[in-house]
Amino acid sequence: MVASRQDAWTEDDDLVLAEVTLRHIREGGTQLAAFEEVGQRLGRTAAACGFRWNSTVRKRYEQAIAIAKSQRQQLKKTGKLPQGESHLGFGNAAAGQDDKGGQAVAQDEEQQLETAIRVLTNQKELLRRLKQLERELSSKQQELKELKEENSRLKKELQDINGVNEDYKALIQIMERARRLAFLQDEETVKPVFKMDANGNLERVE
């Protein structure tokens, strides 16, 4: 069975579904066979095609369905189609059906049951996948939470480091100013002045 897709039905998809289903009605085919053919062409499950037909597309082609049924009856009359063939919902059961008609109804119900089982199986697979995605989402959310906490911790550490660096720079600047101040003070210290007396001796002037 082709895996079911999650994308929406397009007008072209609906047209393919209608064309194939009407052909099966006209040629005496079964509904399940029509949906399986459409499913293979569109990459969808037969159950999805059946649901789309019964819920949406069939309403648009009621007149075409009536014409296809009429053509099928004409083919039966000319012997081009076998009598008493099941069409899985394509025809109406006549009153006073014979054994073949009863067998057709039984086959119809069996095929409908099979279609229902396929739909349920598909829903079960979708539910399993949904739970798996929910678990993955929960795991990713926990991982994101941990990463945010780690990011906050690293930001705080970086702020602390920047604060230490600023304190260190301020201390260096203070030490540099103190060194320059001491140097200037040494230069400004008054040097002794000497003068020569009458006898030619140097004498310090205070």
N, C-alpha and C. Protein backbone atom coordinates (compact mmCIF):
# COMPACT_ATOMS: atom_id res chain seq x y z
N MET A 1 0.85 -1.19 0.00
CA MET A 1 0.00 0.00 0.00
C MET A 1 0.89 1.25 0.00
N VAL A 2 0.51 2.25 -0.80
CA VAL A 2 1.28 3.48 -0.86
C VAL A 2 1.02 4.30 0.39
N ALA A 3 2.06 4.89 0.92
CA ALA A 3 1.92 5.65 2.16
C ALA A 3 1.03 6.86 1.96
N SER A 4 0.25 7.19 2.98
CA SER A 4 -0.66 8.33 2.90
C SER A 4 0.11 9.63 3.03
N ARG A 5 -0.28 10.62 2.20
CA ARG A 5 0.34 11.93 2.29
C ARG A 5 -0.54 12.87 3.08
N GLN A 6 0.07 13.92 3.63
CA GLN A 6 -0.66 14.86 4.47
C GLN A 6 -1.04 16.13 3.73
N ASP A 7 -0.61 16.29 2.46
CA ASP A 7 -0.91 17.52 1.76
C ASP A 7 -2.36 17.52 1.28
N ALA A 8 -2.87 18.72 1.03
CA ALA A 8 -4.27 18.87 0.67
C ALA A 8 -4.54 18.41 -0.75
N TRP A 9 -5.79 18.08 -0.99
CA TRP A 9 -6.21 17.67 -2.33
C TRP A 9 -6.30 18.90 -3.22
N THR A 10 -5.81 18.76 -4.46
CA THR A 10 -5.90 19.83 -5.44
C THR A 10 -7.05 19.55 -6.39
N GLU A 11 -7.37 20.53 -7.22
CA GLU A 11 -8.42 20.34 -8.22
C GLU A 11 -8.04 19.23 -9.19
N ASP A 12 -6.75 19.17 -9.55
CA ASP A 12 -6.30 18.11 -10.45
C ASP A 12 -6.46 16.73 -9.81
N ASP A 13 -6.17 16.63 -8.50
CA ASP A 13 -6.34 15.36 -7.79
C ASP A 13 -7.80 14.93 -7.82
N ASP A 14 -8.70 15.90 -7.55
CA ASP A 14 -10.13 15.59 -7.55
C ASP A 14 -10.59 15.15 -8.94
N LEU A 15 -10.03 15.77 -9.97
CA LEU A 15 -10.42 15.42 -11.34
C LEU A 15 -9.98 14.00 -11.67
N VAL A 16 -8.77 13.63 -11.26
CA VAL A 16 -8.30 12.25 -11.48
C VAL A 16 -9.20 11.27 -10.76
N LEU A 17 -9.54 11.60 -9.51
CA LEU A 17 -10.41 10.73 -8.72
C LEU A 17 -11.77 10.56 -9.41
N ALA A 18 -12.33 11.65 -9.90
CA ALA A 18 -13.63 11.59 -10.56
C ALA A 18 -13.56 10.78 -11.85
N GLU A 19 -12.54 11.03 -12.66
CA GLU A 19 -12.43 10.34 -13.96
C GLU A 19 -12.29 8.83 -13.77
N VAL A 20 -11.41 8.44 -12.87
CA VAL A 20 -11.18 7.00 -12.66
C VAL A 20 -12.41 6.34 -12.07
N THR A 21 -13.02 6.98 -11.08
CA THR A 21 -14.19 6.38 -10.43
C THR A 21 -15.36 6.26 -11.40
N LEU A 22 -15.60 7.30 -12.21
CA LEU A 22 -16.68 7.24 -13.20
C LEU A 22 -16.41 6.14 -14.23
N ARG A 23 -15.17 5.96 -14.60
CA ARG A 23 -14.84 4.89 -15.55
C ARG A 23 -15.14 3.53 -14.95
N HIS A 24 -14.81 3.34 -13.68
CA HIS A 24 -15.11 2.06 -13.03
C HIS A 24 -16.61 1.84 -12.91
N ILE A 25 -17.35 2.92 -12.64
CA ILE A 25 -18.82 2.79 -12.59
C ILE A 25 -19.34 2.34 -13.96
N ARG A 26 -18.86 3.01 -14.98
CA ARG A 26 -19.33 2.73 -16.33
C ARG A 26 -18.96 1.32 -16.79
N GLU A 27 -17.76 0.87 -16.40
CA GLU A 27 -17.27 -0.41 -16.89
C GLU A 27 -17.57 -1.56 -15.93
N GLY A 28 -18.31 -1.28 -14.85
CA GLY A 28 -18.69 -2.35 -13.95
C GLY A 28 -17.63 -2.71 -12.94
N GLY A 29 -16.67 -1.85 -12.73
CA GLY A 29 -15.62 -2.12 -11.74
C GLY A 29 -16.13 -1.84 -10.33
N THR A 30 -15.30 -2.15 -9.34
CA THR A 30 -15.69 -1.92 -7.95
C THR A 30 -15.13 -0.60 -7.45
N GLN A 31 -15.76 -0.09 -6.43
CA GLN A 31 -15.32 1.15 -5.82
C GLN A 31 -13.90 1.02 -5.26
N LEU A 32 -13.62 -0.10 -4.61
CA LEU A 32 -12.30 -0.30 -4.02
C LEU A 32 -11.22 -0.32 -5.10
N ALA A 33 -11.54 -0.97 -6.24
CA ALA A 33 -10.57 -1.01 -7.34
C ALA A 33 -10.31 0.39 -7.87
N ALA A 34 -11.36 1.20 -7.95
CA ALA A 34 -11.21 2.58 -8.43
C ALA A 34 -10.31 3.37 -7.48
N PHE A 35 -10.57 3.23 -6.19
CA PHE A 35 -9.80 4.02 -5.22
C PHE A 35 -8.35 3.55 -5.16
N GLU A 36 -8.12 2.26 -5.34
CA GLU A 36 -6.75 1.76 -5.34
C GLU A 36 -5.99 2.28 -6.56
N GLU A 37 -6.66 2.35 -7.71
CA GLU A 37 -6.01 2.88 -8.91
C GLU A 37 -5.67 4.36 -8.72
N VAL A 38 -6.61 5.11 -8.17
CA VAL A 38 -6.35 6.54 -7.92
C VAL A 38 -5.22 6.70 -6.91
N GLY A 39 -5.24 5.85 -5.87
CA GLY A 39 -4.19 5.93 -4.85
C GLY A 39 -2.81 5.71 -5.44
N GLN A 40 -2.69 4.76 -6.35
CA GLN A 40 -1.40 4.50 -6.99
C GLN A 40 -0.96 5.68 -7.85
N ARG A 41 -1.91 6.32 -8.51
CA ARG A 41 -1.57 7.44 -9.38
C ARG A 41 -1.22 8.70 -8.60
N LEU A 42 -1.87 8.89 -7.46
CA LEU A 42 -1.66 10.12 -6.69
C LEU A 42 -0.73 9.93 -5.49
N GLY A 43 -0.34 8.67 -5.21
CA GLY A 43 0.52 8.44 -4.05
C GLY A 43 -0.23 8.56 -2.75
N ARG A 44 -1.49 8.12 -2.73
CA ARG A 44 -2.30 8.17 -1.53
C ARG A 44 -2.86 6.78 -1.25
N THR A 45 -3.44 6.60 -0.08
CA THR A 45 -4.05 5.32 0.24
C THR A 45 -5.43 5.24 -0.40
N ALA A 46 -5.89 3.99 -0.62
CA ALA A 46 -7.23 3.80 -1.16
C ALA A 46 -8.28 4.35 -0.20
N ALA A 47 -8.02 4.21 1.10
CA ALA A 47 -8.96 4.72 2.11
C ALA A 47 -9.09 6.24 2.01
N ALA A 48 -7.96 6.93 1.80
CA ALA A 48 -8.00 8.38 1.68
C ALA A 48 -8.78 8.80 0.44
N CYS A 49 -8.60 8.05 -0.65
CA CYS A 49 -9.34 8.35 -1.88
C CYS A 49 -10.83 8.11 -1.68
N GLY A 50 -11.17 7.03 -0.99
CA GLY A 50 -12.57 6.74 -0.73
C GLY A 50 -13.23 7.81 0.13
N PHE A 51 -12.52 8.26 1.13
CA PHE A 51 -13.05 9.30 2.00
C PHE A 51 -13.27 10.59 1.22
N ARG A 52 -12.29 10.93 0.37
CA ARG A 52 -12.41 12.15 -0.44
C ARG A 52 -13.60 12.05 -1.40
N TRP A 53 -13.78 10.90 -2.02
CA TRP A 53 -14.88 10.70 -2.95
C TRP A 53 -16.23 10.86 -2.25
N ASN A 54 -16.40 10.16 -1.15
CA ASN A 54 -17.70 10.15 -0.47
C ASN A 54 -18.02 11.46 0.23
N SER A 55 -16.99 12.18 0.69
CA SER A 55 -17.23 13.39 1.46
C SER A 55 -17.32 14.65 0.60
N THR A 56 -16.67 14.64 -0.56
CA THR A 56 -16.58 15.88 -1.33
C THR A 56 -16.88 15.71 -2.82
N VAL A 57 -16.10 14.85 -3.48
CA VAL A 57 -16.13 14.81 -4.94
C VAL A 57 -17.44 14.25 -5.48
N ARG A 58 -17.96 13.24 -4.83
CA ARG A 58 -19.18 12.58 -5.33
C ARG A 58 -20.33 13.57 -5.51
N LYS A 59 -20.45 14.54 -4.62
CA LYS A 59 -21.54 15.50 -4.69
C LYS A 59 -21.48 16.34 -5.96
N ARG A 60 -20.29 16.54 -6.49
CA ARG A 60 -20.13 17.39 -7.67
C ARG A 60 -20.48 16.64 -8.97
N TYR A 61 -20.53 15.32 -8.90
CA TYR A 61 -20.68 14.54 -10.12
C TYR A 61 -21.92 13.63 -10.08
N GLU A 62 -22.97 14.08 -9.42
CA GLU A 62 -24.17 13.24 -9.32
C GLU A 62 -24.76 12.95 -10.69
N GLN A 63 -24.79 13.96 -11.55
CA GLN A 63 -25.35 13.76 -12.89
C GLN A 63 -24.45 12.83 -13.70
N ALA A 64 -23.15 13.01 -13.59
CA ALA A 64 -22.22 12.15 -14.32
C ALA A 64 -22.30 10.71 -13.82
N ILE A 65 -22.52 10.54 -12.53
CA ILE A 65 -22.66 9.19 -11.96
C ILE A 65 -23.90 8.51 -12.54
N ALA A 66 -25.00 9.29 -12.64
CA ALA A 66 -26.24 8.73 -13.19
C ALA A 66 -26.03 8.30 -14.64
N ILE A 67 -25.30 9.13 -15.39
CA ILE A 67 -25.03 8.79 -16.80
C ILE A 67 -24.16 7.54 -16.89
N ALA A 68 -23.13 7.45 -16.01
CA ALA A 68 -22.24 6.30 -16.03
C ALA A 68 -23.00 5.01 -15.69
N LYS A 69 -23.94 5.10 -14.72
CA LYS A 69 -24.74 3.93 -14.36
C LYS A 69 -25.61 3.50 -15.53
N SER A 70 -26.17 4.49 -16.24
CA SER A 70 -27.00 4.19 -17.40
C SER A 70 -26.17 3.49 -18.48
N GLN A 71 -24.96 3.99 -18.69
CA GLN A 71 -24.07 3.36 -19.67
C GLN A 71 -23.72 1.94 -19.26
N ARG A 72 -23.56 1.73 -17.95
CA ARG A 72 -23.25 0.39 -17.46
C ARG A 72 -24.41 -0.57 -17.74
N GLN A 73 -25.61 -0.08 -17.52
CA GLN A 73 -26.78 -0.92 -17.80
C GLN A 73 -26.86 -1.27 -19.29
N GLN A 74 -26.54 -0.31 -20.14
CA GLN A 74 -26.55 -0.57 -21.58
C GLN A 74 -25.52 -1.63 -21.95
N LEU A 75 -24.33 -1.55 -21.30
CA LEU A 75 -23.29 -2.55 -21.57
C LEU A 75 -23.72 -3.93 -21.10
N LYS A 76 -24.45 -3.97 -19.99
CA LYS A 76 -24.96 -5.25 -19.51
C LYS A 76 -25.96 -5.85 -20.49
N LYS A 77 -26.84 -5.00 -21.01
CA LYS A 77 -27.86 -5.47 -21.94
C LYS A 77 -27.25 -6.02 -23.22
N THR A 78 -26.16 -5.41 -23.63
CA THR A 78 -25.51 -5.87 -24.86
C THR A 78 -24.57 -7.04 -24.60
N GLY A 79 -24.47 -7.45 -23.33
CA GLY A 79 -23.63 -8.59 -22.99
C GLY A 79 -22.15 -8.27 -22.86
N LYS A 80 -21.82 -6.99 -22.87
CA LYS A 80 -20.42 -6.60 -22.75
C LYS A 80 -19.96 -6.58 -21.29
N LEU A 81 -20.95 -6.65 -20.37
CA LEU A 81 -20.63 -6.76 -18.95
C LEU A 81 -21.40 -7.94 -18.38
N PRO A 82 -20.78 -8.70 -17.45
CA PRO A 82 -21.51 -9.82 -16.82
C PRO A 82 -22.61 -9.31 -15.93
N GLN A 83 -23.69 -10.07 -15.82
CA GLN A 83 -24.83 -9.69 -14.98
C GLN A 83 -24.52 -10.00 -13.51
N GLY A 84 -25.21 -9.26 -12.62
CA GLY A 84 -25.11 -9.53 -11.18
C GLY A 84 -23.77 -9.19 -10.59
N GLU A 85 -23.03 -8.24 -11.19
CA GLU A 85 -21.70 -7.88 -10.69
C GLU A 85 -21.79 -6.81 -9.62
N SER A 86 -20.96 -6.93 -8.60
CA SER A 86 -20.97 -5.97 -7.50
C SER A 86 -20.24 -4.71 -7.90
N HIS A 87 -20.77 -3.56 -7.50
CA HIS A 87 -20.13 -2.29 -7.84
C HIS A 87 -19.83 -1.47 -6.61
N LEU A 88 -19.93 -2.04 -5.43
CA LEU A 88 -19.54 -1.41 -4.17
C LEU A 88 -20.09 0.01 -4.03
N GLY A 89 -21.40 0.09 -4.00
CA GLY A 89 -22.01 1.38 -3.76
C GLY A 89 -22.28 2.15 -5.03
N PHE A 90 -21.94 1.63 -6.23
CA PHE A 90 -22.16 2.36 -7.46
C PHE A 90 -23.61 2.22 -7.94
N GLY A 91 -24.30 1.13 -7.56
CA GLY A 91 -25.66 0.93 -8.03
C GLY A 91 -26.61 0.80 -6.86
N ASN A 92 -27.90 0.79 -7.14
CA ASN A 92 -28.91 0.62 -6.09
C ASN A 92 -29.40 -0.81 -6.09
N ALA A 93 -29.60 -1.42 -4.92
CA ALA A 93 -30.08 -2.80 -4.85
C ALA A 93 -31.54 -2.83 -5.27
N ALA A 94 -31.88 -3.76 -6.15
CA ALA A 94 -33.26 -3.87 -6.64
C ALA A 94 -34.04 -4.79 -5.73
N ALA A 95 -35.35 -4.57 -5.69
CA ALA A 95 -36.20 -5.43 -4.88
C ALA A 95 -36.24 -6.80 -5.51
N GLY A 96 -36.35 -7.85 -4.66
CA GLY A 96 -36.43 -9.21 -5.17
C GLY A 96 -35.14 -9.70 -5.76
N GLN A 97 -33.97 -9.31 -5.19
CA GLN A 97 -32.68 -9.76 -5.70
C GLN A 97 -32.61 -11.28 -5.63
N ASP A 98 -31.90 -11.86 -6.59
CA ASP A 98 -31.67 -13.29 -6.58
C ASP A 98 -30.43 -13.60 -5.76
N ASP A 99 -29.98 -14.85 -5.76
CA ASP A 99 -28.82 -15.24 -4.95
C ASP A 99 -27.57 -14.48 -5.35
N LYS A 100 -27.42 -14.25 -6.65
CA LYS A 100 -26.23 -13.51 -7.09
C LYS A 100 -26.25 -12.09 -6.53
N GLY A 101 -27.45 -11.50 -6.50
CA GLY A 101 -27.54 -10.16 -5.93
C GLY A 101 -27.20 -10.17 -4.46
N GLY A 102 -27.65 -11.19 -3.73
CA GLY A 102 -27.32 -11.29 -2.31
C GLY A 102 -25.84 -11.48 -2.10
N GLN A 103 -25.21 -12.26 -2.98
CA GLN A 103 -23.77 -12.44 -2.88
C GLN A 103 -23.05 -11.13 -3.16
N ALA A 104 -23.60 -10.36 -4.10
CA ALA A 104 -22.99 -9.07 -4.41
C ALA A 104 -23.05 -8.14 -3.21
N VAL A 105 -24.20 -8.14 -2.52
CA VAL A 105 -24.33 -7.30 -1.32
C VAL A 105 -23.35 -7.74 -0.24
N ALA A 106 -23.21 -9.07 -0.07
CA ALA A 106 -22.27 -9.58 0.93
C ALA A 106 -20.84 -9.17 0.57
N GLN A 107 -20.53 -9.26 -0.71
CA GLN A 107 -19.20 -8.86 -1.15
C GLN A 107 -19.00 -7.36 -0.95
N ASP A 108 -20.08 -6.63 -1.23
CA ASP A 108 -20.05 -5.18 -1.02
C ASP A 108 -19.72 -4.85 0.44
N GLU A 109 -20.42 -5.52 1.37
CA GLU A 109 -20.20 -5.27 2.80
C GLU A 109 -18.79 -5.68 3.21
N GLU A 110 -18.30 -6.76 2.66
CA GLU A 110 -16.95 -7.23 2.99
C GLU A 110 -15.91 -6.22 2.53
N GLN A 111 -16.10 -5.68 1.33
CA GLN A 111 -15.16 -4.70 0.81
C GLN A 111 -15.23 -3.39 1.59
N GLN A 112 -16.45 -3.02 1.99
CA GLN A 112 -16.58 -1.83 2.82
C GLN A 112 -15.89 -2.01 4.16
N LEU A 113 -16.01 -3.22 4.72
CA LEU A 113 -15.34 -3.52 5.98
C LEU A 113 -13.82 -3.44 5.81
N GLU A 114 -13.35 -3.95 4.69
CA GLU A 114 -11.91 -3.91 4.42
C GLU A 114 -11.44 -2.47 4.30
N THR A 115 -12.25 -1.65 3.63
CA THR A 115 -11.90 -0.24 3.51
C THR A 115 -11.86 0.43 4.88
N ALA A 116 -12.85 0.09 5.73
CA ALA A 116 -12.88 0.67 7.07
C ALA A 116 -11.66 0.26 7.88
N ILE A 117 -11.26 -1.01 7.73
CA ILE A 117 -10.08 -1.50 8.44
C ILE A 117 -8.84 -0.74 7.99
N ARG A 118 -8.76 -0.49 6.69
CA ARG A 118 -7.60 0.26 6.17
C ARG A 118 -7.59 1.68 6.71
N VAL A 119 -8.77 2.28 6.79
CA VAL A 119 -8.84 3.64 7.34
C VAL A 119 -8.38 3.66 8.79
N LEU A 120 -8.86 2.68 9.58
CA LEU A 120 -8.48 2.61 10.99
C LEU A 120 -6.99 2.35 11.14
N THR A 121 -6.45 1.46 10.29
CA THR A 121 -5.01 1.18 10.33
C THR A 121 -4.21 2.42 10.03
N ASN A 122 -4.67 3.17 9.04
CA ASN A 122 -3.99 4.40 8.69
C ASN A 122 -4.05 5.41 9.83
N GLN A 123 -5.22 5.50 10.48
CA GLN A 123 -5.36 6.42 11.62
C GLN A 123 -4.47 5.99 12.77
N LYS A 124 -4.34 4.68 12.98
CA LYS A 124 -3.48 4.18 14.04
C LYS A 124 -2.03 4.55 13.78
N GLU A 125 -1.62 4.45 12.52
CA GLU A 125 -0.25 4.81 12.16
C GLU A 125 -0.02 6.31 12.35
N LEU A 126 -1.03 7.11 11.97
CA LEU A 126 -0.92 8.55 12.16
C LEU A 126 -0.84 8.91 13.64
N LEU A 127 -1.63 8.21 14.47
CA LEU A 127 -1.60 8.46 15.91
C LEU A 127 -0.23 8.10 16.49
N ARG A 128 0.31 6.96 16.04
CA ARG A 128 1.64 6.55 16.51
C ARG A 128 2.69 7.59 16.14
N ARG A 129 2.61 8.09 14.91
CA ARG A 129 3.56 9.10 14.46
C ARG A 129 3.39 10.39 15.24
N LEU A 130 2.12 10.76 15.54
CA LEU A 130 1.85 11.98 16.30
C LEU A 130 2.47 11.89 17.70
N LYS A 131 2.31 10.73 18.35
CA LYS A 131 2.89 10.56 19.69
C LYS A 131 4.41 10.64 19.63
N GLN A 132 4.98 10.05 18.56
CA GLN A 132 6.43 10.11 18.41
C GLN A 132 6.91 11.55 18.26
N LEU A 133 6.18 12.34 17.47
CA LEU A 133 6.53 13.74 17.28
C LEU A 133 6.36 14.53 18.58
N GLU A 134 5.35 14.19 19.36
CA GLU A 134 5.15 14.87 20.65
C GLU A 134 6.32 14.59 21.59
N ARG A 135 6.79 13.32 21.58
CA ARG A 135 7.95 12.99 22.42
C ARG A 135 9.19 13.74 21.96
N GLU A 136 9.38 13.81 20.65
CA GLU A 136 10.54 14.54 20.10
C GLU A 136 10.45 16.02 20.46
N LEU A 137 9.23 16.58 20.37
CA LEU A 137 9.05 17.99 20.71
C LEU A 137 9.37 18.25 22.18
N SER A 138 8.91 17.36 23.06
CA SER A 138 9.17 17.50 24.49
C SER A 138 10.67 17.45 24.77
N SER A 139 11.36 16.53 24.08
CA SER A 139 12.81 16.41 24.25
C SER A 139 13.53 17.67 23.79
N LYS A 140 13.09 18.22 22.64
CA LYS A 140 13.72 19.43 22.12
C LYS A 140 13.45 20.62 23.04
N GLN A 141 12.24 20.68 23.62
CA GLN A 141 11.93 21.78 24.54
C GLN A 141 12.80 21.71 25.79
N GLN A 142 13.03 20.49 26.31
CA GLN A 142 13.90 20.33 27.48
C GLN A 142 15.33 20.72 27.14
N GLU A 143 15.76 20.31 25.94
CA GLU A 143 17.11 20.66 25.50
C GLU A 143 17.26 22.16 25.35
N LEU A 144 16.23 22.82 24.81
CA LEU A 144 16.26 24.26 24.65
C LEU A 144 16.32 24.96 26.01
N LYS A 145 15.57 24.45 26.98
CA LYS A 145 15.57 25.02 28.32
C LYS A 145 16.96 24.93 28.94
N GLU A 146 17.61 23.77 28.79
CA GLU A 146 18.94 23.60 29.34
C GLU A 146 19.95 24.53 28.67
N LEU A 147 19.81 24.71 27.36
CA LEU A 147 20.71 25.60 26.64
C LEU A 147 20.52 27.05 27.08
N LYS A 148 19.28 27.45 27.33
CA LYS A 148 19.02 28.80 27.81
C LYS A 148 19.64 29.02 29.18
N GLU A 149 19.52 28.02 30.06
CA GLU A 149 20.11 28.13 31.39
C GLU A 149 21.63 28.23 31.30
N GLU A 150 22.23 27.42 30.43
CA GLU A 150 23.68 27.46 30.24
C GLU A 150 24.11 28.80 29.67
N ASN A 151 23.33 29.34 28.76
CA ASN A 151 23.64 30.64 28.17
C ASN A 151 23.59 31.74 29.22
N SER A 152 22.58 31.69 30.10
CA SER A 152 22.47 32.68 31.18
C SER A 152 23.66 32.60 32.13
N ARG A 153 24.08 31.36 32.45
CA ARG A 153 25.22 31.17 33.35
C ARG A 153 26.50 31.74 32.74
N LEU A 154 26.70 31.47 31.45
CA LEU A 154 27.91 31.97 30.78
C LEU A 154 27.89 33.50 30.68
N LYS A 155 26.72 34.07 30.47
CA LYS A 155 26.63 35.53 30.41
C LYS A 155 27.01 36.15 31.75
N LYS A 156 26.55 35.53 32.85
CA LYS A 156 26.87 36.04 34.18
C LYS A 156 28.37 35.94 34.44
N GLU A 157 28.97 34.79 34.04
CA GLU A 157 30.41 34.64 34.22
C GLU A 157 31.17 35.69 33.42
N LEU A 158 30.69 35.96 32.20
CA LEU A 158 31.35 36.96 31.36
C LEU A 158 31.24 38.35 31.98
N GLN A 159 30.09 38.66 32.56
CA GLN A 159 29.91 39.95 33.23
C GLN A 159 30.86 40.07 34.43
N ASP A 160 31.01 38.98 35.19
CA ASP A 160 31.93 38.99 36.34
C ASP A 160 33.36 39.21 35.88
N ILE A 161 33.73 38.52 34.79
CA ILE A 161 35.09 38.69 34.25
C ILE A 161 35.31 40.11 33.78
N ASN A 162 34.32 40.68 33.11
CA ASN A 162 34.44 42.06 32.64
C ASN A 162 34.57 43.01 33.82
N GLY A 163 33.85 42.72 34.92
CA GLY A 163 33.94 43.57 36.11
C GLY A 163 35.34 43.52 36.71
N VAL A 164 35.95 42.33 36.77
CA VAL A 164 37.31 42.18 37.28
C VAL A 164 38.29 42.93 36.39
N ASN A 165 38.09 42.83 35.10
CA ASN A 165 38.99 43.52 34.17
C ASN A 165 38.92 45.03 34.36
N GLU A 166 37.70 45.53 34.55
CA GLU A 166 37.56 46.98 34.76
C GLU A 166 38.24 47.41 36.05
N ASP A 167 38.10 46.62 37.12
CA ASP A 167 38.77 46.94 38.40
C ASP A 167 40.28 46.91 38.23
N TYR A 168 40.78 45.92 37.46
CA TYR A 168 42.22 45.80 37.24
C TYR A 168 42.74 47.01 36.45
N LYS A 169 41.98 47.44 35.44
CA LYS A 169 42.38 48.59 34.64
C LYS A 169 42.42 49.86 35.51
N ALA A 170 41.40 49.98 36.37
CA ALA A 170 41.36 51.16 37.25
C ALA A 170 42.57 51.18 38.19
N LEU A 171 42.93 50.00 38.73
CA LEU A 171 44.08 49.91 39.62
C LEU A 171 45.37 50.28 38.90
N ILE A 172 45.52 49.79 37.66
CA ILE A 172 46.72 50.12 36.87
C ILE A 172 46.80 51.62 36.63
N GLN A 173 45.66 52.24 36.32
CA GLN A 173 45.66 53.69 36.07
C GLN A 173 46.06 54.46 37.33
N ILE A 174 45.56 54.02 38.49
CA ILE A 174 45.93 54.68 39.75
C ILE A 174 47.43 54.57 40.00
N MET A 175 47.96 53.36 39.80
CA MET A 175 49.40 53.16 40.01
C MET A 175 50.22 54.00 39.04
N GLU A 176 49.73 54.12 37.80
CA GLU A 176 50.46 54.91 36.80
C GLU A 176 50.46 56.39 37.19
N ARG A 177 49.31 56.89 37.65
CA ARG A 177 49.25 58.29 38.07
C ARG A 177 50.16 58.55 39.29
N ALA A 178 50.19 57.59 40.21
CA ALA A 178 51.04 57.75 41.40
C ALA A 178 52.50 57.78 41.00
N ARG A 179 52.87 56.93 40.03
CA ARG A 179 54.28 56.89 39.58
C ARG A 179 54.67 58.21 38.94
N ARG A 180 53.78 58.75 38.10
CA ARG A 180 54.07 60.01 37.42
C ARG A 180 54.14 61.15 38.42
N LEU A 181 53.27 61.12 39.40
CA LEU A 181 53.27 62.17 40.42
C LEU A 181 54.57 62.15 41.22
N ALA A 182 55.04 60.98 41.58
CA ALA A 182 56.30 60.86 42.32
C ALA A 182 57.47 61.35 41.48
N PHE A 183 57.43 61.07 40.18
CA PHE A 183 58.50 61.50 39.29
C PHE A 183 58.54 63.02 39.19
N LEU A 184 57.38 63.64 39.07
CA LEU A 184 57.32 65.10 38.99
C LEU A 184 57.79 65.74 40.27
N GLN A 185 57.42 65.12 41.37
CA GLN A 185 57.85 65.68 42.66
C GLN A 185 59.37 65.61 42.79
N ASP A 186 60.00 64.57 42.32
CA ASP A 186 61.46 64.47 42.37
C ASP A 186 62.10 65.55 41.53
N GLU A 187 61.50 65.86 40.38
CA GLU A 187 62.07 66.88 39.49
C GLU A 187 61.93 68.28 40.09
N GLU A 188 60.86 68.45 40.87
CA GLU A 188 60.60 69.78 41.43
C GLU A 188 61.40 70.04 42.72
N THR A 189 62.11 69.02 43.21
CA THR A 189 62.93 69.22 44.42
C THR A 189 64.01 70.31 44.18
N VAL A 190 64.13 71.27 45.09
CA VAL A 190 65.07 72.40 44.91
C VAL A 190 66.51 71.91 45.00
N LYS A 191 67.27 72.23 43.97
CA LYS A 191 68.68 71.85 43.95
C LYS A 191 69.50 72.92 44.70
N PRO A 192 70.58 72.50 45.40
CA PRO A 192 71.40 73.49 46.15
C PRO A 192 72.08 74.49 45.22
N VAL A 193 72.18 75.75 45.68
CA VAL A 193 72.80 76.82 44.89
C VAL A 193 74.09 77.26 45.61
N PHE A 194 75.16 77.39 44.84
CA PHE A 194 76.44 77.79 45.41
C PHE A 194 76.89 79.12 44.80
N LYS A 195 77.67 79.91 45.65
CA LYS A 195 78.26 81.14 45.12
C LYS A 195 79.72 81.23 45.61
N MET A 196 80.47 81.97 44.91
CA MET A 196 81.91 82.05 45.23
C MET A 196 82.13 83.30 46.08
N ASP A 197 82.95 83.11 47.23
CA ASP A 197 83.22 84.25 48.11
C ASP A 197 84.44 85.00 47.60
N ALA A 198 84.84 86.02 48.39
CA ALA A 198 85.95 86.88 47.96
C ALA A 198 87.27 86.12 47.87
N ASN A 199 87.40 85.03 48.63
CA ASN A 199 88.62 84.26 48.61
C ASN A 199 88.62 83.18 47.54
N GLY A 200 87.51 83.11 46.76
CA GLY A 200 87.47 82.13 45.68
C GLY A 200 86.89 80.78 46.13
N ASN A 201 86.30 80.73 47.29
CA ASN A 201 85.69 79.49 47.79
C ASN A 201 84.21 79.48 47.47
N LEU A 202 83.69 78.24 47.16
CA LEU A 202 82.25 78.09 46.91
C LEU A 202 81.50 78.01 48.21
N GLU A 203 80.40 78.75 48.24
CA GLU A 203 79.60 78.78 49.46
C GLU A 203 78.14 78.48 49.08
N ARG A 204 77.52 77.55 49.80
CA ARG A 204 76.13 77.14 49.52
C ARG A 204 75.20 78.22 50.00
N VAL A 205 74.28 78.54 49.09
CA VAL A 205 73.26 79.54 49.41
C VAL A 205 71.98 78.80 49.71
N GLU A 206 71.39 78.99 50.89
CA GLU A 206 70.16 78.32 51.29
C GLU A 206 68.99 78.95 50.55
